[in-house]
Amino acid sequence: MRLRPDDPSYVSALVSFLRERSCVAYVLDDQVTIEVIRPHSFGQQEIDEIAAILRTWQTKSPEARFAIMD
């Protein structure tokens, strides 16, 4: 799944948050898009788990917004 924070200053914090929750997360070459993978989860299960993690992040950073690219 690819994510793009509306404010690039959140990229580092979001990557760290995802990694702390056992996701593989890294920034793509454009420096604003994050690729996130949930190891050992596939298909809809992976999407649901990442979505739950992102909801948790948004409760901690309600001012931060992001777009899901795929």
N, C-alpha and C. Protein backbone atom coordinates (compact mmCIF):
# COMPACT_ATOMS: atom_id res chain seq x y z
N MET A 1 0.86 -1.16 0.00
CA MET A 1 0.00 0.00 0.00
C MET A 1 0.91 1.23 0.00
N ARG A 2 0.50 2.25 -0.73
CA ARG A 2 1.25 3.49 -0.76
C ARG A 2 0.43 4.61 -0.12
N LEU A 3 1.12 5.41 0.69
CA LEU A 3 0.50 6.52 1.39
C LEU A 3 1.26 7.79 1.06
N ARG A 4 0.55 8.90 1.06
CA ARG A 4 1.20 10.19 0.86
C ARG A 4 0.59 11.19 1.84
N PRO A 5 1.37 11.57 2.87
CA PRO A 5 0.88 12.59 3.79
C PRO A 5 0.67 13.92 3.07
N ASP A 6 -0.39 14.64 3.46
CA ASP A 6 -0.63 15.97 2.88
C ASP A 6 0.51 16.93 3.22
N ASP A 7 1.08 16.76 4.40
CA ASP A 7 2.19 17.59 4.84
C ASP A 7 3.44 16.71 4.89
N PRO A 8 4.43 16.97 4.04
CA PRO A 8 5.63 16.13 4.01
C PRO A 8 6.38 16.05 5.34
N SER A 9 6.14 16.97 6.24
CA SER A 9 6.85 16.91 7.53
C SER A 9 6.40 15.70 8.37
N TYR A 10 5.31 15.05 8.00
CA TYR A 10 4.83 13.87 8.73
C TYR A 10 5.40 12.55 8.20
N VAL A 11 6.13 12.59 7.12
CA VAL A 11 6.63 11.36 6.51
C VAL A 11 7.45 10.55 7.50
N SER A 12 8.44 11.16 8.10
CA SER A 12 9.32 10.44 9.03
C SER A 12 8.56 9.86 10.22
N ALA A 13 7.68 10.65 10.80
CA ALA A 13 6.91 10.18 11.96
C ALA A 13 6.00 9.02 11.59
N LEU A 14 5.38 9.10 10.42
CA LEU A 14 4.49 8.02 10.01
C LEU A 14 5.27 6.74 9.71
N VAL A 15 6.40 6.85 9.06
CA VAL A 15 7.23 5.67 8.80
C VAL A 15 7.65 5.03 10.12
N SER A 16 8.10 5.83 11.07
CA SER A 16 8.51 5.30 12.37
C SER A 16 7.35 4.61 13.08
N PHE A 17 6.19 5.23 13.06
CA PHE A 17 5.00 4.66 13.69
C PHE A 17 4.66 3.30 13.08
N LEU A 18 4.69 3.22 11.76
CA LEU A 18 4.37 1.96 11.08
C LEU A 18 5.40 0.87 11.42
N ARG A 19 6.67 1.24 11.43
CA ARG A 19 7.72 0.27 11.75
C ARG A 19 7.59 -0.24 13.18
N GLU A 20 7.21 0.64 14.10
CA GLU A 20 7.02 0.23 15.50
C GLU A 20 5.90 -0.79 15.65
N ARG A 21 5.04 -0.85 14.66
CA ARG A 21 3.93 -1.79 14.67
C ARG A 21 4.13 -2.95 13.71
N SER A 22 5.39 -3.29 13.50
CA SER A 22 5.81 -4.46 12.72
C SER A 22 5.47 -4.39 11.24
N CYS A 23 5.35 -3.19 10.70
CA CYS A 23 5.18 -3.02 9.26
C CYS A 23 6.55 -2.78 8.63
N VAL A 24 6.67 -3.14 7.39
CA VAL A 24 7.82 -2.73 6.60
C VAL A 24 7.38 -1.44 5.92
N ALA A 25 8.06 -0.35 6.21
CA ALA A 25 7.68 0.95 5.66
C ALA A 25 8.93 1.69 5.22
N TYR A 26 8.86 2.28 4.06
CA TYR A 26 10.00 3.05 3.55
C TYR A 26 9.49 4.14 2.62
N VAL A 27 10.33 5.15 2.46
CA VAL A 27 9.99 6.30 1.63
C VAL A 27 10.49 6.05 0.22
N LEU A 28 9.65 6.34 -0.76
CA LEU A 28 10.02 6.17 -2.15
C LEU A 28 10.90 7.33 -2.62
N ASP A 29 11.40 7.23 -3.82
CA ASP A 29 12.33 8.22 -4.35
C ASP A 29 11.80 9.64 -4.36
N ASP A 30 10.49 9.81 -4.43
CA ASP A 30 9.93 11.17 -4.46
C ASP A 30 9.99 11.86 -3.09
N GLN A 31 10.39 11.12 -2.05
CA GLN A 31 10.57 11.62 -0.69
C GLN A 31 9.27 11.99 0.04
N VAL A 32 8.14 11.73 -0.57
CA VAL A 32 6.86 12.03 0.10
C VAL A 32 5.89 10.85 0.11
N THR A 33 6.16 9.84 -0.67
CA THR A 33 5.28 8.67 -0.74
C THR A 33 5.89 7.55 0.09
N ILE A 34 5.06 6.92 0.89
CA ILE A 34 5.49 5.82 1.75
C ILE A 34 4.91 4.52 1.22
N GLU A 35 5.75 3.53 1.08
CA GLU A 35 5.31 2.17 0.76
C GLU A 35 5.25 1.42 2.08
N VAL A 36 4.12 0.77 2.34
CA VAL A 36 3.96 0.02 3.60
C VAL A 36 3.45 -1.38 3.29
N ILE A 37 4.07 -2.34 3.95
CA ILE A 37 3.73 -3.75 3.78
C ILE A 37 3.54 -4.34 5.18
N ARG A 38 2.58 -5.18 5.31
CA ARG A 38 2.33 -5.88 6.58
C ARG A 38 2.76 -7.32 6.38
N PRO A 39 3.98 -7.68 6.86
CA PRO A 39 4.46 -9.06 6.65
C PRO A 39 3.49 -10.09 7.22
N HIS A 40 3.42 -11.19 6.54
CA HIS A 40 2.60 -12.34 6.94
C HIS A 40 1.10 -12.10 6.80
N SER A 41 0.72 -11.02 6.16
CA SER A 41 -0.68 -10.75 5.86
C SER A 41 -0.79 -10.52 4.36
N PHE A 42 -1.89 -10.95 3.79
CA PHE A 42 -2.04 -10.83 2.35
C PHE A 42 -3.45 -10.36 2.02
N GLY A 43 -3.56 -9.71 0.87
CA GLY A 43 -4.87 -9.32 0.35
C GLY A 43 -5.62 -8.42 1.30
N GLN A 44 -6.89 -8.72 1.48
CA GLN A 44 -7.76 -7.89 2.30
C GLN A 44 -7.32 -7.85 3.75
N GLN A 45 -6.78 -8.94 4.25
CA GLN A 45 -6.30 -8.97 5.64
C GLN A 45 -5.19 -7.92 5.83
N GLU A 46 -4.26 -7.84 4.89
CA GLU A 46 -3.19 -6.86 4.97
C GLU A 46 -3.75 -5.44 4.95
N ILE A 47 -4.67 -5.19 4.05
CA ILE A 47 -5.29 -3.86 3.93
C ILE A 47 -6.00 -3.49 5.24
N ASP A 48 -6.75 -4.43 5.79
CA ASP A 48 -7.49 -4.17 7.03
C ASP A 48 -6.54 -3.88 8.20
N GLU A 49 -5.46 -4.64 8.30
CA GLU A 49 -4.51 -4.44 9.39
C GLU A 49 -3.81 -3.09 9.27
N ILE A 50 -3.39 -2.72 8.07
CA ILE A 50 -2.75 -1.43 7.87
C ILE A 50 -3.74 -0.31 8.15
N ALA A 51 -4.97 -0.46 7.71
CA ALA A 51 -6.00 0.56 7.96
C ALA A 51 -6.22 0.76 9.46
N ALA A 52 -6.23 -0.32 10.22
CA ALA A 52 -6.40 -0.21 11.67
C ALA A 52 -5.22 0.53 12.30
N ILE A 53 -4.03 0.25 11.85
CA ILE A 53 -2.85 0.94 12.35
C ILE A 53 -2.92 2.43 12.01
N LEU A 54 -3.36 2.74 10.80
CA LEU A 54 -3.47 4.14 10.38
C LEU A 54 -4.54 4.89 11.18
N ARG A 55 -5.61 4.22 11.54
CA ARG A 55 -6.63 4.85 12.37
C ARG A 55 -6.05 5.20 13.75
N THR A 56 -5.25 4.31 14.28
CA THR A 56 -4.59 4.57 15.56
C THR A 56 -3.67 5.78 15.45
N TRP A 57 -2.92 5.86 14.36
CA TRP A 57 -2.02 7.00 14.16
C TRP A 57 -2.80 8.30 14.07
N GLN A 58 -3.93 8.27 13.39
CA GLN A 58 -4.73 9.48 13.24
C GLN A 58 -5.32 9.94 14.58
N THR A 59 -5.59 9.03 15.49
CA THR A 59 -6.07 9.47 16.80
C THR A 59 -4.96 10.17 17.57
N LYS A 60 -3.72 9.79 17.33
CA LYS A 60 -2.58 10.42 18.00
C LYS A 60 -2.15 11.70 17.30
N SER A 61 -2.43 11.81 16.02
CA SER A 61 -2.06 12.99 15.22
C SER A 61 -3.27 13.42 14.37
N PRO A 62 -4.33 13.91 15.01
CA PRO A 62 -5.56 14.21 14.27
C PRO A 62 -5.41 15.29 13.20
N GLU A 63 -4.42 16.14 13.33
CA GLU A 63 -4.21 17.19 12.34
C GLU A 63 -3.54 16.66 11.07
N ALA A 64 -2.95 15.49 11.15
CA ALA A 64 -2.23 14.92 10.01
C ALA A 64 -3.19 14.17 9.09
N ARG A 65 -3.08 14.44 7.84
CA ARG A 65 -3.90 13.76 6.82
C ARG A 65 -3.00 13.08 5.81
N PHE A 66 -3.53 12.07 5.17
CA PHE A 66 -2.76 11.38 4.14
C PHE A 66 -3.71 10.80 3.11
N ALA A 67 -3.18 10.55 1.94
CA ALA A 67 -3.95 9.90 0.88
C ALA A 67 -3.41 8.49 0.68
N ILE A 68 -4.32 7.55 0.45
CA ILE A 68 -3.93 6.19 0.12
C ILE A 68 -3.85 6.12 -1.40
N MET A 69 -2.67 5.77 -1.89
CA MET A 69 -2.43 5.80 -3.33
C MET A 69 -2.93 4.53 -4.03
N ASP A 70 -2.86 3.40 -3.38
CA ASP A 70 -3.36 2.14 -3.96
C ASP A 70 -3.69 1.15 -2.90
